[in-house]
Amino acid sequence: MNSTHVVHSIFDMTSFMGALLKITLILLSAGHAGVVTSQALAKDWAPQVRAHGLMWDVHEVSVGQVKQYAHQTGFVSQAEKERGGFIYEAGWTQKAGWTWRAPFGKLAQDNEPAVHLTFDEAQQMCRFQGKRLPKDHEWVKAAYLEQRDQPPTGFQKGQRYTYPNGQSAQKSHCLNGCGNYQGTAPQGALWRGVGHVPVMTTPPGVNGLFDMGGNVWEWVDTGQGSEKITRGGSWWYDADRQIESDVATKPKDTRVGYIGFRCVQDN
């Protein structure tokens, strides 16, 4: 190995460790309790916090994580098998090529939340990691009831908040104005402020969790028959959909551009 290769190797490792340290410091400075070690972060890039007796992924499962899962298992989603996922355009419309890899028809960045995945696909991915989807009552506690002993300014232990982000809602990246259901996110919308945002780019909310409201709906393992609940609202809707009393149910096989998920782990 010549000196140039040595320099490049050192630079690559330094960049990797710097990024890893940055994530760890973000979590610590936000007052998260129970943050996993840097070794675990390097292993699966899924930092966790403890909230109400469970270990929670601090962010929604990302495109990069699904890529790793697909590489290891050969996973192919229903949206990929069946020409694409759906979006609402004055009625449900299937969009050719719209999948978790390309949620709006354009290849996604690794740090975007993974969407166009069914409930069963989400549960399968969580279980592959020794985790699961949260139950509805678990999600509600984690999203609205602050548990940290020493939360950062703006949060108080034992306080129940109106929104997952606290007393005020996380601004939704709404479609043609909040509450307007016509049209759809155009190609490249992520770079124009419409659509979801990359994980961990907005301020953390209750219990140090990111994007529990206003980014993408999140599947939870509660429902009857073929229906499952989704929580948190999404960029499509206004802030009213982020409150605790808003309970939305959808068919388990729904695969659309504004439903994602996060995993929890039992102690």
Protein backbone atom coordinates (compact mmCIF):
# COMPACT_ATOMS: atom_id res chain seq x y z
CA MET A 1 0.00 0.00 0.00
CA ASN A 2 1.50 3.32 -1.03
CA SER A 3 1.31 6.54 0.97
CA THR A 4 -1.63 7.84 -1.07
CA HIS A 5 -3.70 4.77 -0.22
CA VAL A 6 -2.76 5.13 3.44
CA VAL A 7 -3.90 8.75 3.50
CA HIS A 8 -7.19 7.84 1.80
CA SER A 9 -7.80 5.00 4.25
CA ILE A 10 -7.16 7.23 7.24
CA PHE A 11 -9.40 9.93 5.79
CA ASP A 12 -12.24 7.46 5.14
CA MET A 13 -12.06 6.05 8.66
CA THR A 14 -11.86 9.53 10.16
CA SER A 15 -14.93 10.63 8.19
CA PHE A 16 -16.84 7.53 9.28
CA MET A 17 -15.99 7.96 12.95
CA GLY A 18 -16.73 11.67 12.77
CA ALA A 19 -20.21 11.00 11.41
CA LEU A 20 -20.77 8.35 14.06
CA LEU A 21 -19.64 10.70 16.82
CA LYS A 22 -21.89 13.44 15.45
CA ILE A 23 -24.96 11.20 15.72
CA THR A 24 -24.00 10.17 19.25
CA LEU A 25 -23.45 13.77 20.34
CA ILE A 26 -26.77 14.85 18.85
CA LEU A 27 -28.53 12.20 20.89
CA LEU A 28 -26.71 13.02 24.09
CA SER A 29 -27.16 16.78 23.77
CA ALA A 30 -30.89 16.27 23.24
CA GLY A 31 -31.15 14.67 26.65
CA HIS A 32 -31.94 11.15 25.48
CA ALA A 33 -31.95 8.46 28.17
CA GLY A 34 -30.62 4.99 27.45
CA VAL A 35 -28.66 5.77 24.30
CA VAL A 36 -26.98 2.70 22.86
CA THR A 37 -23.21 2.45 22.47
CA SER A 38 -21.21 3.63 19.48
CA GLN A 39 -20.45 -0.02 18.73
CA ALA A 40 -24.17 -0.72 18.28
CA LEU A 41 -24.59 2.41 16.17
CA ALA A 42 -21.81 1.27 13.86
CA LYS A 43 -23.40 -2.16 13.59
CA ASP A 44 -26.87 -1.22 12.36
CA TRP A 45 -27.17 2.58 12.39
CA ALA A 46 -30.32 2.36 14.50
CA PRO A 47 -29.82 4.50 17.62
CA GLN A 48 -32.37 3.83 20.34
CA VAL A 49 -33.76 5.48 23.45
CA ARG A 50 -35.61 3.98 26.38
CA ALA A 51 -39.18 5.18 26.86
CA HIS A 52 -41.90 3.60 28.99
CA GLY A 53 -40.12 0.26 29.34
CA LEU A 54 -39.19 -0.22 25.68
CA MET A 55 -36.20 0.59 23.53
CA TRP A 56 -37.38 2.80 20.68
CA ASP A 57 -35.64 3.50 17.40
CA VAL A 58 -35.21 7.26 17.58
CA HIS A 59 -36.16 7.70 13.94
CA GLU A 60 -38.36 6.11 11.33
CA VAL A 61 -36.83 3.19 9.45
CA SER A 62 -34.82 4.69 6.63
CA VAL A 63 -34.30 3.81 2.99
CA GLY A 64 -30.70 2.92 3.82
CA GLN A 65 -31.82 0.42 6.46
CA VAL A 66 -34.26 -1.22 4.05
CA LYS A 67 -31.47 -1.44 1.48
CA GLN A 68 -29.36 -3.35 4.01
CA TYR A 69 -32.29 -5.64 4.79
CA ALA A 70 -32.99 -6.28 1.10
CA HIS A 71 -29.31 -7.01 0.46
CA GLN A 72 -29.19 -9.54 3.30
CA THR A 73 -32.51 -11.27 2.62
CA GLY A 74 -33.41 -10.70 -1.02
CA PHE A 75 -36.52 -8.80 0.05
CA VAL A 76 -38.73 -7.45 -2.73
CA SER A 77 -41.71 -5.35 -1.67
CA GLN A 78 -45.27 -5.70 -2.92
CA ALA A 79 -44.98 -2.28 -4.53
CA GLU A 80 -41.94 -3.50 -6.48
CA LYS A 81 -43.68 -6.73 -7.51
CA GLU A 82 -46.87 -5.00 -8.59
CA ARG A 83 -45.58 -2.03 -10.63
CA GLY A 84 -45.59 0.56 -7.86
CA GLY A 85 -47.29 2.02 -4.84
CA PHE A 86 -50.26 4.36 -4.58
CA ILE A 87 -51.00 8.01 -3.99
CA TYR A 88 -54.31 9.87 -3.71
CA GLU A 89 -55.22 11.96 -6.76
CA ALA A 90 -58.99 12.54 -6.55
CA GLY A 91 -59.06 8.79 -5.91
CA TRP A 92 -56.34 6.19 -5.36
CA THR A 93 -53.88 6.07 -8.23
CA GLN A 94 -51.13 3.52 -8.73
CA LYS A 95 -47.85 5.16 -9.71
CA ALA A 96 -45.51 3.05 -11.81
CA GLY A 97 -42.06 2.79 -10.27
CA TRP A 98 -42.99 4.49 -6.99
CA THR A 99 -41.53 2.23 -4.28
CA TRP A 100 -39.52 2.58 -1.09
CA ARG A 101 -36.49 3.00 -3.35
CA ALA A 102 -38.11 5.86 -5.28
CA PRO A 103 -41.06 7.16 -3.24
CA PHE A 104 -41.99 9.90 -5.73
CA GLY A 105 -40.57 8.28 -8.85
CA LYS A 106 -37.05 9.49 -8.17
CA LEU A 107 -34.38 7.51 -6.29
CA ALA A 108 -34.44 8.36 -2.61
CA GLN A 109 -31.56 9.35 -0.39
CA ASP A 110 -30.55 6.75 2.20
CA ASN A 111 -31.64 8.97 5.10
CA GLU A 112 -35.23 9.40 3.92
CA PRO A 113 -37.98 7.45 5.73
CA ALA A 114 -38.95 4.26 3.90
CA VAL A 115 -42.54 4.33 2.57
CA HIS A 116 -44.67 2.30 0.13
CA LEU A 117 -44.37 -0.67 2.52
CA THR A 118 -47.27 -2.75 3.86
CA PHE A 119 -47.91 -3.48 7.53
CA ASP A 120 -46.67 -7.07 7.17
CA GLU A 121 -43.50 -5.94 5.40
CA ALA A 122 -42.80 -3.44 8.18
CA GLN A 123 -43.38 -6.04 10.89
CA GLN A 124 -41.17 -8.53 9.07
CA MET A 125 -38.29 -6.06 8.92
CA CYS A 126 -38.58 -5.21 12.61
CA ARG A 127 -38.61 -8.89 13.58
CA PHE A 128 -35.54 -9.55 11.47
CA GLN A 129 -33.69 -7.22 13.86
CA GLY A 130 -35.17 -8.86 16.98
CA LYS A 131 -37.65 -6.00 17.30
CA ARG A 132 -41.33 -5.43 16.50
CA LEU A 133 -43.84 -2.74 15.64
CA PRO A 134 -45.23 -0.95 18.70
CA LYS A 135 -48.78 -1.42 19.92
CA ASP A 136 -51.02 1.63 19.73
CA HIS A 137 -51.00 2.31 23.48
CA GLU A 138 -47.20 2.06 23.49
CA TRP A 139 -46.88 4.51 20.62
CA VAL A 140 -49.24 6.97 22.32
CA LYS A 141 -47.30 6.95 25.60
CA ALA A 142 -43.97 7.43 23.86
CA ALA A 143 -45.29 10.21 21.63
CA TYR A 144 -47.15 12.34 24.18
CA LEU A 145 -46.07 11.51 27.76
CA GLU A 146 -42.56 12.72 28.68
CA GLN A 147 -40.66 10.19 30.81
CA ARG A 148 -37.05 11.39 30.85
CA ASP A 149 -35.66 12.28 34.29
CA GLN A 150 -33.77 15.28 32.94
CA PRO A 151 -35.37 16.32 29.66
CA PRO A 152 -34.04 19.35 27.78
CA THR A 153 -35.61 22.79 27.99
CA GLY A 154 -39.19 22.76 26.77
CA PHE A 155 -40.07 19.37 28.23
CA GLN A 156 -40.98 18.25 31.76
CA LYS A 157 -41.10 14.72 33.16
CA GLY A 158 -44.68 13.52 33.65
CA GLN A 159 -46.14 16.16 31.33
CA ARG A 160 -48.56 15.01 28.64
CA TYR A 161 -48.19 17.07 25.48
CA THR A 162 -50.65 17.98 22.75
CA TYR A 163 -48.30 17.00 19.94
CA PRO A 164 -45.39 14.57 19.63
CA ASN A 165 -43.16 17.61 19.25
CA GLY A 166 -44.46 19.23 22.46
CA GLN A 167 -47.05 21.93 22.96
CA SER A 168 -46.75 23.11 19.36
CA ALA A 169 -46.93 20.94 16.27
CA GLN A 170 -44.05 20.08 14.00
CA LYS A 171 -44.68 21.99 10.77
CA SER A 172 -45.95 19.56 8.18
CA HIS A 173 -44.50 19.72 4.69
CA CYS A 174 -47.98 19.82 3.24
CA LEU A 175 -49.22 19.06 -0.22
CA ASN A 176 -50.27 22.28 -2.00
CA GLY A 177 -51.24 23.77 1.36
CA CYS A 178 -52.30 21.88 4.48
CA GLY A 179 -55.58 20.08 4.10
CA ASN A 180 -55.60 20.25 0.30
CA TYR A 181 -55.89 16.69 -0.97
CA GLN A 182 -55.82 17.42 -4.70
CA GLY A 183 -52.81 16.64 -6.82
CA THR A 184 -49.73 14.78 -5.70
CA ALA A 185 -46.13 15.45 -4.82
CA PRO A 186 -44.37 16.08 -8.14
CA GLN A 187 -41.12 14.46 -9.17
CA GLY A 188 -38.30 15.98 -7.19
CA ALA A 189 -40.66 17.33 -4.55
CA LEU A 190 -38.32 16.39 -1.72
CA TRP A 191 -35.94 19.09 -2.88
CA ARG A 192 -38.66 21.75 -3.01
CA GLY A 193 -40.00 21.43 0.53
CA VAL A 194 -43.02 19.22 -0.26
CA GLY A 195 -43.06 15.67 1.03
CA HIS A 196 -41.32 13.98 3.90
CA VAL A 197 -37.98 15.15 5.27
CA PRO A 198 -34.90 12.99 5.97
CA VAL A 199 -34.84 11.33 9.38
CA MET A 200 -33.33 13.23 12.33
CA THR A 201 -33.30 16.58 10.52
CA THR A 202 -36.08 18.18 12.58
CA PRO A 203 -35.84 18.84 16.34
CA PRO A 204 -36.45 15.82 18.60
CA GLY A 205 -39.76 15.74 20.44
CA VAL A 206 -41.23 14.03 23.50
CA ASN A 207 -38.87 11.38 24.95
CA GLY A 208 -36.20 12.39 22.43
CA LEU A 209 -37.95 10.76 19.49
CA PHE A 210 -37.71 12.29 16.02
CA ASP A 211 -40.61 12.82 13.60
CA MET A 212 -43.38 11.11 15.57
CA GLY A 213 -45.71 13.70 14.05
CA GLY A 214 -46.00 15.36 10.66
CA ASN A 215 -43.45 13.42 8.63
CA VAL A 216 -44.96 10.05 7.63
CA TRP A 217 -47.73 8.04 9.25
CA GLU A 218 -46.35 5.11 11.27
CA TRP A 219 -47.80 1.60 11.34
CA VAL A 220 -48.69 0.25 14.80
CA ASP A 221 -49.63 -3.33 15.65
CA THR A 222 -53.21 -2.67 16.73
CA GLY A 223 -56.40 -3.14 14.76
CA GLN A 224 -59.13 -5.56 13.82
CA GLY A 225 -59.13 -8.05 10.98
CA SER A 226 -57.30 -6.74 7.96
CA GLU A 227 -57.15 -3.16 9.31
CA LYS A 228 -54.26 -1.65 11.28
CA ILE A 229 -53.84 1.73 12.93
CA THR A 230 -51.42 4.38 11.73
CA ARG A 231 -50.30 7.22 13.99
CA GLY A 232 -48.73 10.65 13.86
CA GLY A 233 -50.16 12.18 10.73
CA SER A 234 -47.95 12.92 7.75
CA TRP A 235 -46.66 15.74 5.57
CA TRP A 236 -49.90 15.47 3.59
CA TYR A 237 -52.09 16.74 6.44
CA ASP A 238 -52.31 19.69 8.77
CA ALA A 239 -51.38 19.62 12.47
CA ASP A 240 -54.80 18.33 13.59
CA ARG A 241 -53.78 14.87 12.43
CA GLN A 242 -50.83 14.83 14.84
CA ILE A 243 -52.88 14.92 18.07
CA GLU A 244 -53.45 11.93 20.34
CA SER A 245 -57.17 11.58 19.61
CA ASP A 246 -56.62 11.17 15.87
CA VAL A 247 -56.76 7.43 15.18
CA ALA A 248 -56.56 6.36 11.53
CA THR A 249 -57.00 2.79 10.30
CA LYS A 250 -55.93 1.40 6.96
CA PRO A 251 -55.90 -2.01 5.24
CA LYS A 252 -52.73 -3.95 6.12
CA ASP A 253 -51.75 -4.19 2.47
CA THR A 254 -51.78 -0.40 1.98
CA ARG A 255 -48.57 0.76 0.31
CA VAL A 256 -48.54 4.50 -0.17
CA GLY A 257 -46.08 7.37 -0.23
CA TYR A 258 -46.83 8.70 3.25
CA ILE A 259 -46.85 5.66 5.57
CA GLY A 260 -43.62 4.49 7.18
CA PHE A 261 -42.75 2.84 10.48
CA ARG A 262 -40.31 2.53 13.36
CA CYS A 263 -39.38 -0.46 15.50
CA VAL A 264 -39.28 -1.09 19.23
CA GLN A 265 -37.43 -3.68 21.28
CA ASP A 266 -38.61 -5.36 24.47
CA ASN A 267 -36.18 -5.26 27.38
